[in-house]
Amino acid sequence: MNTQSISIPAQRLPADPTHRDQILTDYFADRVPYSAPDDNGDWRVTVDAAPTAEFYIDPRLDEGLRWWGCTVADIPFAYRRKRGVFLSLSDAWTLLSMSQWLARQNGLPPHVTVIHVDDHDDLMCPRLGLRDGQFADLITGQTMSLHDPRSVADAINSSAIGMGSFLAPLLHTLPSVDIRHLCDTAYARTRVGRFWLVQATEADELLALGTPRPSVRIIPSAGSSSSEQAVGTYQVVDDEIKLLADIQDGPILLHIDLDFFNNRFNGDSDWATHSRRHDPTYDQVMRRVERLVTTLTPVRHRIVDVEIGISPGFFPAELWAPVCDALIEQLARTSADGA
């Protein structure tokens, strides 16, 4: 039902199958692409969900799928709301919840803070075109607007928006955004300080050659004159104590990717051979959950939406149920608009 079929001119993809598969896999990182010659000599590319559990690496994946009540093929499309908290298996659906909140507002809020609890920044470029200030799904050709949640859901279903690219459309829509990124691994220590977030574009290289796609540049704020062009600020911290320092007024969108707490697999089939892994024990994870919730207490009344991405293939399946239950129990009362 969610399979996408696309015709790509022959000259845009190499004849060598290994090279062609690599290009398509990199482009459609969240899904599984297949290619075959078309009747007219072009390439017919089919983009689908992963057919087997091996795509998600986790040897205990079935435990998590039984808890959710779905199959492997459902993973890219599975989301629900429980006690006002938005849950999804693929983190791409976070943008749908943000869009649903935005659609309930009377116009654009002057400033929004995103508390981004995640082992990744999720600031990649989505497979959306940017034309005359409007987003266009490069896979289906449909327009997308964050004021129209149904169009956002369509773009996630098509894979135009992926699990690492859902923040760029938000930053190309809102007038002012402050992203506070809590990260517990080396990433947080290699990007220390405060940065400007500047809207940018990247030219598409496959589906719509040269079409600008929405992207974001991160520029150090120290000694920079980019504040006039910036849509907001970005700051990474590795400790909850620093998370709320000098936080601005206004609504807060709380996004939690569970791989913040444990990123055992990191989408890497060779995970078991790595000597350094972000793989805390169950008890350590649960203590970190409690620590995060306690830290958020002073701003609970300002959190208008809570989104939790589970991230199969990153966060271990045996922890899905207890961590989600603990977060929902603590955060259900946080979401001002949740029911």
Foldseek 3Di string as FASTA:
>chain_A
DLKFKDWFAAVLADPPPVRRLVVVCVQLVQWHKDWDADPVGTIIIITAHDPDPVLLQFPVQVLLCVVQVHDSRCQLPDWDADLQATEHQFQLCLLLQVLVVCLPDDDADQEEEEEAEDQAPLQDFFCWFADPLWTARLRPRHTDDSNDSVSSSSSSSNSSGGSSHNCQNVLSPHQEYEYQYAAADCVQVVDAAKWFKAWDWDADSTRHGGGTTIGIDTGHPVPDPCPVRGSYMYHYDHDLVPRCPPNDDAAYEYEHELLRLFFQQVSPNCSVVDPDGRHDDPVSSVVVLVVNLVSCVVCLQRYAHHYYHDHRSTHHSVCVVVSVVVNCVRNSSSHPNGD
